[in-house]
Amino acid sequence: MTALVHTREDLASVLDEAAGEIAVVMTMGALHEGHRQLMRTARERSAFVVVTIFVNPLQFGPNEDYEKYPRTLDDDLEACRAEGVPLVFAPGRDDVYPHGAPSITMNPGPLGEILEGAVRPGHFSGMLTVVEKLLLLTQADVAYFGEKDYQQLALIQRMARDLELPVEIRGVPTVREPDGLALSSRNRFLSPDQRQSALALSRALREGAAHGDPESVVAAAHKILADEPGVQVDYLALTGTDLGPAPEQGPARLLVAAKAGTTRLIDNIALTLHKEA
């Protein structure tokens, strides 16, 4: 049985009866297999799971897709029921921001100004603000986030560490379609041709990860993207696992963002850098 609550008072009432470790999976709805994997992981590792569904206006820019972002609450509830989630919190804007748009928000710092932060000013401030609010409202001991949004995950982990929040932030590997496309709520906006073009992102990442030398990694990935006219690349970046400069050798991350048609997609892959013979 999955309970649905909309207000912070009803949320607190249900949580008062919860026993053991509380885990939260935060979503904006339009749930797919990637979200379901987060739920399954949370259920396997924690005693009580809360899924939040809230399209956060603070993290959308003026020319972004807040109004057209898919809202599919009935289908989302069915997905949560199928995964055995006991509680869904789907607040309205006034429940999350009862005093109106906040005048004080989270500052993501330098890590929030690169990559997605450079392309989407203000996005990470809005994201961190709502994450901090939802961590407090759900009384979470642990929170699960997908590695597809790797910069988001890194920032939330940094926020929890720097502010000494009493919560553990755990990443869960990206879930992909059989052809390699990373699952995203925005994939539904792709036409068949655009979806084929979008496969260049995961192909580029895999090709880059097949190399060890940093220059070869970037060159190989760039060639795949350059050969696909159906995508417009925002960035392709090789970084350390903390999104700082890539090391000469050791664990690293390759990240990409691009548009297929008007739909903007992001993806990333873990790799190990080493000197090639």
C-alpha atoms as a PDB file:
ATOM      1  CA  MET A   1       0.000   0.000   0.000  1.00  0.00           C
ATOM      2  CA  THR A   2       1.400   3.363  -1.051  1.00  0.00           C
ATOM      3  CA  ALA A   3       0.203   6.444   0.807  1.00  0.00           C
ATOM      4  CA  LEU A   4       0.032   9.770  -1.050  1.00  0.00           C
ATOM      5  CA  VAL A   5       0.350  13.014   0.900  1.00  0.00           C
ATOM      6  CA  HIS A   6       0.481  16.600  -0.352  1.00  0.00           C
ATOM      7  CA  THR A   7       1.075  18.726   2.729  1.00  0.00           C
ATOM      8  CA  ARG A   8       4.000  18.932   5.121  1.00  0.00           C
ATOM      9  CA  GLU A   9       1.646  18.295   8.045  1.00  0.00           C
ATOM     10  CA  ASP A  10       0.398  15.010   6.554  1.00  0.00           C
ATOM     11  CA  LEU A  11       3.969  14.054   5.667  1.00  0.00           C
ATOM     12  CA  ALA A  12       5.123  14.588   9.251  1.00  0.00           C
ATOM     13  CA  SER A  13       2.176  12.582  10.565  1.00  0.00           C
ATOM     14  CA  VAL A  14       3.098   9.528   8.470  1.00  0.00           C
ATOM     15  CA  LEU A  15       6.808   9.844   9.240  1.00  0.00           C
ATOM     16  CA  ASP A  16       6.069   9.911  12.970  1.00  0.00           C
ATOM     17  CA  GLU A  17       4.977   6.275  12.594  1.00  0.00           C
ATOM     18  CA  ALA A  18       7.977   5.209  10.471  1.00  0.00           C
ATOM     19  CA  ALA A  19      10.555   2.955  12.089  1.00  0.00           C
ATOM     20  CA  GLY A  20      14.203   2.528  11.161  1.00  0.00           C
ATOM     21  CA  GLU A  21      16.312   4.319   8.575  1.00  0.00           C
ATOM     22  CA  ILE A  22      14.355   6.714   6.344  1.00  0.00           C
ATOM     23  CA  ALA A  23      15.485   6.957   2.734  1.00  0.00           C
ATOM     24  CA  VAL A  24      14.326   9.533   0.207  1.00  0.00           C
ATOM     25  CA  VAL A  25      14.291   9.406  -3.578  1.00  0.00           C
ATOM     26  CA  MET A  26      13.687  12.891  -4.960  1.00  0.00           C
ATOM     27  CA  THR A  27      12.088  13.201  -8.396  1.00  0.00           C
ATOM     28  CA  MET A  28      10.235  15.681 -10.571  1.00  0.00           C
ATOM     29  CA  GLY A  29       7.866  12.941 -11.693  1.00  0.00           C
ATOM     30  CA  ALA A  30       7.526  11.421 -15.178  1.00  0.00           C
ATOM     31  CA  LEU A  31       9.096   8.362 -13.592  1.00  0.00           C
ATOM     32  CA  HIS A  32      11.036   5.861 -15.697  1.00  0.00           C
ATOM     33  CA  GLU A  33      13.160   2.769 -15.092  1.00  0.00           C
ATOM     34  CA  GLY A  34      16.007   4.884 -13.772  1.00  0.00           C
ATOM     35  CA  HIS A  35      13.784   6.235 -11.002  1.00  0.00           C
ATOM     36  CA  ARG A  36      12.489   2.739 -10.313  1.00  0.00           C
ATOM     37  CA  GLN A  37      16.046   1.504  -9.875  1.00  0.00           C
ATOM     38  CA  LEU A  38      16.584   4.237  -7.290  1.00  0.00           C
ATOM     39  CA  MET A  39      13.453   3.054  -5.472  1.00  0.00           C
ATOM     40  CA  ARG A  40      14.560  -0.583  -5.567  1.00  0.00           C
ATOM     41  CA  THR A  41      18.003   0.301  -4.250  1.00  0.00           C
ATOM     42  CA  ALA A  42      16.480   2.381  -1.468  1.00  0.00           C
ATOM     43  CA  ARG A  43      14.063  -0.389  -0.481  1.00  0.00           C
ATOM     44  CA  GLU A  44      16.840  -2.975  -0.409  1.00  0.00           C
ATOM     45  CA  ARG A  45      19.001  -0.872   1.897  1.00  0.00           C
ATOM     46  CA  SER A  46      16.629   1.171   4.052  1.00  0.00           C
ATOM     47  CA  ALA A  47      13.676   0.441   6.322  1.00  0.00           C
ATOM     48  CA  PHE A  48      11.311   3.155   5.051  1.00  0.00           C
ATOM     49  CA  VAL A  49      11.305   4.897   1.662  1.00  0.00           C
ATOM     50  CA  VAL A  50       9.785   8.234   0.692  1.00  0.00           C
ATOM     51  CA  VAL A  51       9.552   9.283  -2.955  1.00  0.00           C
ATOM     52  CA  THR A  52       9.053  12.992  -3.550  1.00  0.00           C
ATOM     53  CA  ILE A  53       7.420  14.294  -6.724  1.00  0.00           C
ATOM     54  CA  PHE A  54       7.798  18.028  -7.227  1.00  0.00           C
ATOM     55  CA  VAL A  55       8.614  20.043 -10.356  1.00  0.00           C
ATOM     56  CA  ASN A  56      10.784  22.698  -8.756  1.00  0.00           C
ATOM     57  CA  PRO A  57      10.348  26.114 -10.435  1.00  0.00           C
ATOM     58  CA  LEU A  58      13.545  27.487  -8.906  1.00  0.00           C
ATOM     59  CA  GLN A  59      15.795  25.302 -11.046  1.00  0.00           C
ATOM     60  CA  PHE A  60      14.293  26.293 -14.405  1.00  0.00           C
ATOM     61  CA  GLY A  61      15.611  29.284 -16.317  1.00  0.00           C
ATOM     62  CA  PRO A  62      13.303  31.785 -18.087  1.00  0.00           C
ATOM     63  CA  ASN A  63      13.678  30.035 -21.453  1.00  0.00           C
ATOM     64  CA  GLU A  64      13.544  26.467 -20.149  1.00  0.00           C
ATOM     65  CA  ASP A  65      10.764  23.889 -20.124  1.00  0.00           C
ATOM     66  CA  TYR A  66       9.091  24.288 -16.717  1.00  0.00           C
ATOM     67  CA  GLU A  67       5.589  24.600 -18.160  1.00  0.00           C
ATOM     68  CA  LYS A  68       5.956  21.678 -20.568  1.00  0.00           C
ATOM     69  CA  TYR A  69       7.820  19.418 -18.167  1.00  0.00           C
ATOM     70  CA  PRO A  70       5.708  16.221 -18.072  1.00  0.00           C
ATOM     71  CA  ARG A  71       3.399  15.821 -15.100  1.00  0.00           C
ATOM     72  CA  THR A  72       2.090  12.252 -14.855  1.00  0.00           C
ATOM     73  CA  LEU A  73       1.112  11.771 -11.214  1.00  0.00           C
ATOM     74  CA  ASP A  74      -1.288   8.835 -11.748  1.00  0.00           C
ATOM     75  CA  ASP A  75       1.299   6.859 -13.696  1.00  0.00           C
ATOM     76  CA  ASP A  76       3.999   7.838 -11.200  1.00  0.00           C
ATOM     77  CA  LEU A  77       1.903   6.514  -8.305  1.00  0.00           C
ATOM     78  CA  GLU A  78       1.466   3.219 -10.124  1.00  0.00           C
ATOM     79  CA  ALA A  79       5.237   2.956 -10.530  1.00  0.00           C
ATOM     80  CA  CYS A  80       5.753   3.639  -6.825  1.00  0.00           C
ATOM     81  CA  ARG A  81       3.132   1.058  -5.871  1.00  0.00           C
ATOM     82  CA  ALA A  82       4.764  -1.515  -8.142  1.00  0.00           C
ATOM     83  CA  GLU A  83       8.096  -0.922  -6.375  1.00  0.00           C
ATOM     84  CA  GLY A  84       6.542  -1.210  -2.923  1.00  0.00           C
ATOM     85  CA  VAL A  85       7.216   2.382  -1.890  1.00  0.00           C
ATOM     86  CA  PRO A  86       5.203   3.109   1.263  1.00  0.00           C
ATOM     87  CA  LEU A  87       4.998   6.911   0.942  1.00  0.00           C
ATOM     88  CA  VAL A  88       4.843   9.464  -1.857  1.00  0.00           C
ATOM     89  CA  PHE A  89       5.082  13.166  -1.041  1.00  0.00           C
ATOM     90  CA  ALA A  90       3.726  15.287  -3.911  1.00  0.00           C
ATOM     91  CA  PRO A  91       3.535  18.834  -2.570  1.00  0.00           C
ATOM     92  CA  GLY A  92       2.298  21.932  -4.325  1.00  0.00           C
ATOM     93  CA  ARG A  93       4.466  25.016  -4.709  1.00  0.00           C
ATOM     94  CA  ASP A  94       2.947  26.633  -1.614  1.00  0.00           C
ATOM     95  CA  ASP A  95       3.754  23.556   0.477  1.00  0.00           C
ATOM     96  CA  VAL A  96       7.435  23.721  -0.450  1.00  0.00           C
ATOM     97  CA  TYR A  97       7.691  27.517  -0.498  1.00  0.00           C
ATOM     98  CA  PRO A  98       5.008  28.665   1.962  1.00  0.00           C
ATOM     99  CA  HIS A  99       6.444  32.186   2.136  1.00  0.00           C
ATOM    100  CA  GLY A 100       6.765  32.612  -1.614  1.00  0.00           C
ATOM    101  CA  ALA A 101       9.952  32.443  -3.648  1.00  0.00           C
ATOM    102  CA  PRO A 102      12.807  32.357  -1.120  1.00  0.00           C
ATOM    103  CA  SER A 103      15.041  35.401  -0.885  1.00  0.00           C
ATOM    104  CA  ILE A 104      17.813  33.263   0.619  1.00  0.00           C
ATOM    105  CA  THR A 105      18.916  30.277  -1.449  1.00  0.00           C
ATOM    106  CA  MET A 106      21.846  27.859  -1.558  1.00  0.00           C
ATOM    107  CA  ASN A 107      25.046  29.131  -3.159  1.00  0.00           C
ATOM    108  CA  PRO A 108      26.585  26.226  -5.129  1.00  0.00           C
ATOM    109  CA  GLY A 109      30.022  27.865  -5.198  1.00  0.00           C
ATOM    110  CA  PRO A 110      32.597  27.405  -7.966  1.00  0.00           C
ATOM    111  CA  LEU A 111      31.488  23.822  -8.688  1.00  0.00           C
ATOM    112  CA  GLY A 112      28.058  25.173  -9.622  1.00  0.00           C
ATOM    113  CA  GLU A 113      29.465  27.636 -12.166  1.00  0.00           C
ATOM    114  CA  ILE A 114      31.009  25.120 -14.586  1.00  0.00           C
ATOM    115  CA  LEU A 115      29.479  22.700 -17.101  1.00  0.00           C
ATOM    116  CA  GLU A 116      25.706  22.723 -16.451  1.00  0.00           C
ATOM    117  CA  GLY A 117      26.100  25.773 -14.234  1.00  0.00           C
ATOM    118  CA  ALA A 118      27.700  27.762 -17.045  1.00  0.00           C
ATOM    119  CA  VAL A 119      24.917  26.835 -19.460  1.00  0.00           C
ATOM    120  CA  ARG A 120      22.049  27.140 -16.960  1.00  0.00           C
ATOM    121  CA  PRO A 121      22.750  30.058 -14.570  1.00  0.00           C
ATOM    122  CA  GLY A 122      20.869  29.709 -11.295  1.00  0.00           C
ATOM    123  CA  HIS A 123      19.929  26.073 -11.905  1.00  0.00           C
ATOM    124  CA  PHE A 124      22.053  24.576  -9.163  1.00  0.00           C
ATOM    125  CA  SER A 125      21.113  27.216  -6.619  1.00  0.00           C
ATOM    126  CA  GLY A 126      17.447  26.308  -7.132  1.00  0.00           C
ATOM    127  CA  MET A 127      18.204  22.593  -7.112  1.00  0.00           C
ATOM    128  CA  LEU A 128      20.224  22.674  -3.882  1.00  0.00           C
ATOM    129  CA  THR A 129      17.622  24.857  -2.190  1.00  0.00           C
ATOM    130  CA  VAL A 130      14.807  22.398  -2.817  1.00  0.00           C
ATOM    131  CA  VAL A 131      16.979  19.371  -2.000  1.00  0.00           C
ATOM    132  CA  GLU A 132      17.889  20.855   1.379  1.00  0.00           C
ATOM    133  CA  LYS A 133      14.232  21.624   2.075  1.00  0.00           C
ATOM    134  CA  LEU A 134      13.108  18.125   1.121  1.00  0.00           C
ATOM    135  CA  LEU A 135      15.848  16.487   3.168  1.00  0.00           C
ATOM    136  CA  LEU A 136      14.532  18.318   6.217  1.00  0.00           C
ATOM    137  CA  LEU A 137      10.850  17.742   5.462  1.00  0.00           C
ATOM    138  CA  THR A 138      11.291  14.009   4.843  1.00  0.00           C
ATOM    139  CA  GLN A 139      13.548  13.566   7.899  1.00  0.00           C
ATOM    140  CA  ALA A 140      15.844  11.511   5.677  1.00  0.00           C
ATOM    141  CA  ASP A 141      18.802   9.558   6.992  1.00  0.00           C
ATOM    142  CA  VAL A 142      19.962   8.735   3.467  1.00  0.00           C
ATOM    143  CA  ALA A 143      19.120  10.024  -0.026  1.00  0.00           C
ATOM    144  CA  TYR A 144      19.606   8.255  -3.348  1.00  0.00           C
ATOM    145  CA  PHE A 145      20.427  10.109  -6.581  1.00  0.00           C
ATOM    146  CA  GLY A 146      21.285   8.839 -10.053  1.00  0.00           C
ATOM    147  CA  GLU A 147      24.779   9.220 -11.474  1.00  0.00           C
ATOM    148  CA  LYS A 148      23.357  10.415 -14.811  1.00  0.00           C
ATOM    149  CA  ASP A 149      23.089  13.869 -13.256  1.00  0.00           C
ATOM    150  CA  TYR A 150      26.662  13.593 -12.043  1.00  0.00           C
ATOM    151  CA  GLN A 151      27.287  17.267 -11.337  1.00  0.00           C
ATOM    152  CA  GLN A 152      24.047  17.423  -9.370  1.00  0.00           C
ATOM    153  CA  LEU A 153      25.132  14.397  -7.322  1.00  0.00           C
ATOM    154  CA  ALA A 154      28.568  15.915  -6.672  1.00  0.00           C
ATOM    155  CA  LEU A 155      27.039  19.210  -5.527  1.00  0.00           C
ATOM    156  CA  ILE A 156      24.539  17.552  -3.197  1.00  0.00           C
ATOM    157  CA  GLN A 157      27.323  15.473  -1.655  1.00  0.00           C
ATOM    158  CA  ARG A 158      29.405  18.631  -1.232  1.00  0.00           C
ATOM    159  CA  MET A 159      26.476  20.500   0.337  1.00  0.00           C
ATOM    160  CA  ALA A 160      25.834  17.689   2.813  1.00  0.00           C
ATOM    161  CA  ARG A 161      29.508  17.615   3.736  1.00  0.00           C
ATOM    162  CA  ASP A 162      30.115  21.349   3.950  1.00  0.00           C
ATOM    163  CA  LEU A 163      26.937  22.070   5.926  1.00  0.00           C
ATOM    164  CA  GLU A 164      27.339  18.926   8.049  1.00  0.00           C
ATOM    165  CA  LEU A 165      23.835  17.743   7.259  1.00  0.00           C
ATOM    166  CA  PRO A 166      22.946  14.529   9.140  1.00  0.00           C
ATOM    167  CA  VAL A 167      22.248  12.591   5.936  1.00  0.00           C
ATOM    168  CA  GLU A 168      24.211  10.248   3.698  1.00  0.00           C
ATOM    169  CA  ILE A 169      24.075  10.938  -0.057  1.00  0.00           C
ATOM    170  CA  ARG A 170      24.431   7.809  -2.181  1.00  0.00           C
ATOM    171  CA  GLY A 171      24.833   7.614  -5.952  1.00  0.00           C
ATOM    172  CA  VAL A 172      23.236   4.905  -8.098  1.00  0.00           C
ATOM    173  CA  PRO A 173      24.636   3.981 -11.549  1.00  0.00           C
ATOM    174  CA  THR A 174      22.928   5.329 -14.676  1.00  0.00           C
ATOM    175  CA  VAL A 175      20.203   3.135 -16.169  1.00  0.00           C
ATOM    176  CA  ARG A 176      20.264   2.857 -19.958  1.00  0.00           C
ATOM    177  CA  GLU A 177      18.122   1.603 -22.792  1.00  0.00           C
ATOM    178  CA  PRO A 178      19.469  -1.553 -24.508  1.00  0.00           C
ATOM    179  CA  ASP A 179      20.984   0.659 -27.226  1.00  0.00           C
ATOM    180  CA  GLY A 180      22.871   2.740 -24.655  1.00  0.00           C
ATOM    181  CA  LEU A 181      20.692   5.861 -24.387  1.00  0.00           C
ATOM    182  CA  ALA A 182      20.613   7.104 -20.804  1.00  0.00           C
ATOM    183  CA  LEU A 183      17.088   7.130 -19.432  1.00  0.00           C
ATOM    184  CA  SER A 184      15.627  10.612 -18.981  1.00  0.00           C
ATOM    185  CA  SER A 185      12.150  12.059 -18.581  1.00  0.00           C
ATOM    186  CA  ARG A 186      12.997  14.276 -21.559  1.00  0.00           C
ATOM    187  CA  ASN A 187      13.552  11.330 -23.921  1.00  0.00           C
ATOM    188  CA  ARG A 188       9.808  11.300 -24.620  1.00  0.00           C
ATOM    189  CA  PHE A 189      10.205  14.581 -26.521  1.00  0.00           C
ATOM    190  CA  LEU A 190      12.585  13.024 -29.082  1.00  0.00           C
ATOM    191  CA  SER A 191      11.304  12.116 -32.537  1.00  0.00           C
ATOM    192  CA  PRO A 192      12.519   8.748 -33.915  1.00  0.00           C
ATOM    193  CA  ASP A 193      15.231  10.520 -35.949  1.00  0.00           C
ATOM    194  CA  GLN A 194      16.289  12.674 -33.005  1.00  0.00           C
ATOM    195  CA  ARG A 195      16.497   9.618 -30.789  1.00  0.00           C
ATOM    196  CA  GLN A 196      18.850   7.972 -33.249  1.00  0.00           C
ATOM    197  CA  SER A 197      20.993  11.107 -33.250  1.00  0.00           C
ATOM    198  CA  ALA A 198      20.966  11.189 -29.452  1.00  0.00           C
ATOM    199  CA  LEU A 199      22.721   7.807 -29.366  1.00  0.00           C
ATOM    200  CA  ALA A 200      25.880   9.670 -30.366  1.00  0.00           C
ATOM    201  CA  LEU A 201      26.217  10.840 -26.745  1.00  0.00           C
ATOM    202  CA  SER A 202      26.615   7.377 -25.250  1.00  0.00           C
ATOM    203  CA  ARG A 203      28.699   6.206 -28.218  1.00  0.00           C
ATOM    204  CA  ALA A 204      31.062   9.136 -27.742  1.00  0.00           C
ATOM    205  CA  LEU A 205      31.437   8.397 -24.051  1.00  0.00           C
ATOM    206  CA  ARG A 206      32.154   4.720 -24.634  1.00  0.00           C
ATOM    207  CA  GLU A 207      34.690   5.501 -27.359  1.00  0.00           C
ATOM    208  CA  GLY A 208      36.411   8.048 -25.150  1.00  0.00           C
ATOM    209  CA  ALA A 209      36.518   5.658 -22.207  1.00  0.00           C
ATOM    210  CA  ALA A 210      38.263   3.065 -24.382  1.00  0.00           C
ATOM    211  CA  HIS A 211      41.376   5.261 -24.301  1.00  0.00           C
ATOM    212  CA  GLY A 212      43.681   6.110 -21.419  1.00  0.00           C
ATOM    213  CA  ASP A 213      45.546   9.230 -22.456  1.00  0.00           C
ATOM    214  CA  PRO A 214      43.490  12.367 -21.680  1.00  0.00           C
ATOM    215  CA  GLU A 215      43.991  13.919 -25.114  1.00  0.00           C
ATOM    216  CA  SER A 216      43.006  10.674 -26.830  1.00  0.00           C
ATOM    217  CA  VAL A 217      39.906  10.342 -24.643  1.00  0.00           C
ATOM    218  CA  VAL A 218      38.600  13.776 -25.616  1.00  0.00           C
ATOM    219  CA  ALA A 219      39.605  13.486 -29.285  1.00  0.00           C
ATOM    220  CA  ALA A 220      37.897  10.122 -29.722  1.00  0.00           C
ATOM    221  CA  ALA A 221      34.670  11.295 -28.085  1.00  0.00           C
ATOM    222  CA  HIS A 222      34.700  14.581 -29.983  1.00  0.00           C
ATOM    223  CA  LYS A 223      34.986  12.786 -33.332  1.00  0.00           C
ATOM    224  CA  ILE A 224      31.836  10.738 -32.669  1.00  0.00           C
ATOM    225  CA  LEU A 225      29.884  13.879 -31.812  1.00  0.00           C
ATOM    226  CA  ALA A 226      31.273  15.869 -34.740  1.00  0.00           C
ATOM    227  CA  ASP A 227      30.211  13.120 -37.144  1.00  0.00           C
ATOM    228  CA  GLU A 228      26.577  13.310 -35.992  1.00  0.00           C
ATOM    229  CA  PRO A 229      24.899  16.369 -37.541  1.00  0.00           C
ATOM    230  CA  GLY A 230      21.723  15.786 -35.548  1.00  0.00           C
ATOM    231  CA  VAL A 231      23.251  16.890 -32.246  1.00  0.00           C
ATOM    232  CA  GLN A 232      24.421  20.311 -31.104  1.00  0.00           C
ATOM    233  CA  VAL A 233      27.055  19.963 -28.389  1.00  0.00           C
ATOM    234  CA  ASP A 234      27.011  22.298 -25.382  1.00  0.00           C
ATOM    235  CA  TYR A 235      30.105  20.800 -23.807  1.00  0.00           C
ATOM    236  CA  LEU A 236      32.331  17.747 -23.685  1.00  0.00           C
ATOM    237  CA  ALA A 237      34.531  17.714 -20.581  1.00  0.00           C
ATOM    238  CA  LEU A 238      37.045  15.372 -19.016  1.00  0.00           C
ATOM    239  CA  THR A 239      37.365  15.942 -15.265  1.00  0.00           C
ATOM    240  CA  GLY A 240      38.432  14.329 -12.038  1.00  0.00           C
ATOM    241  CA  THR A 241      35.831  12.426 -10.071  1.00  0.00           C
ATOM    242  CA  ASP A 242      35.239  15.594  -8.030  1.00  0.00           C
ATOM    243  CA  LEU A 243      34.764  17.568 -11.271  1.00  0.00           C
ATOM    244  CA  GLY A 244      38.105  19.273 -10.769  1.00  0.00           C
ATOM    245  CA  PRO A 245      40.933  19.030 -13.333  1.00  0.00           C
ATOM    246  CA  ALA A 246      41.435  15.550 -14.775  1.00  0.00           C
ATOM    247  CA  PRO A 247      44.423  13.675 -13.332  1.00  0.00           C
ATOM    248  CA  GLU A 248      47.200  12.353 -15.565  1.00  0.00           C
ATOM    249  CA  GLN A 249      46.254   8.895 -14.410  1.00  0.00           C
ATOM    250  CA  GLY A 250      43.620   7.341 -12.197  1.00  0.00           C
ATOM    251  CA  PRO A 251      39.797   7.603 -11.937  1.00  0.00           C
ATOM    252  CA  ALA A 252      38.136  10.353 -13.973  1.00  0.00           C
ATOM    253  CA  ARG A 253      34.795  11.331 -15.472  1.00  0.00           C
ATOM    254  CA  LEU A 254      33.827  12.208 -19.054  1.00  0.00           C
ATOM    255  CA  LEU A 255      30.702  14.370 -19.328  1.00  0.00           C
ATOM    256  CA  VAL A 256      28.666  15.569 -22.289  1.00  0.00           C
ATOM    257  CA  ALA A 257      25.625  17.772 -22.883  1.00  0.00           C
ATOM    258  CA  ALA A 258      23.965  18.270 -26.242  1.00  0.00           C
ATOM    259  CA  LYS A 259      20.675  19.001 -27.946  1.00  0.00           C
ATOM    260  CA  ALA A 260      18.887  16.638 -30.293  1.00  0.00           C
ATOM    261  CA  GLY A 261      16.325  18.889 -31.921  1.00  0.00           C
ATOM    262  CA  THR A 262      15.131  21.108 -29.087  1.00  0.00           C
ATOM    263  CA  THR A 263      15.622  18.462 -26.392  1.00  0.00           C
ATOM    264  CA  ARG A 264      18.686  18.896 -24.225  1.00  0.00           C
ATOM    265  CA  LEU A 265      20.319  15.733 -22.888  1.00  0.00           C
ATOM    266  CA  ILE A 266      23.233  15.030 -20.560  1.00  0.00           C
ATOM    267  CA  ASP A 267      25.297  11.909 -19.966  1.00  0.00           C
ATOM    268  CA  ASN A 268      28.593  10.838 -18.429  1.00  0.00           C
ATOM    269  CA  ILE A 269      30.845   7.845 -17.892  1.00  0.00           C
ATOM    270  CA  ALA A 270      33.486   6.779 -15.390  1.00  0.00           C
ATOM    271  CA  LEU A 271      36.906   5.929 -16.806  1.00  0.00           C
ATOM    272  CA  THR A 272      40.488   5.366 -15.743  1.00  0.00           C
ATOM    273  CA  LEU A 273      43.254   7.493 -17.221  1.00  0.00           C
ATOM    274  CA  HIS A 274      46.717   6.067 -17.826  1.00  0.00           C
ATOM    275  CA  LYS A 275      49.676   6.617 -20.111  1.00  0.00           C
ATOM    276  CA  GLU A 276      49.129   4.802 -23.376  1.00  0.00           C
ATOM    277  CA  ALA A 277      52.035   2.810 -24.811  1.00  0.00           C
END
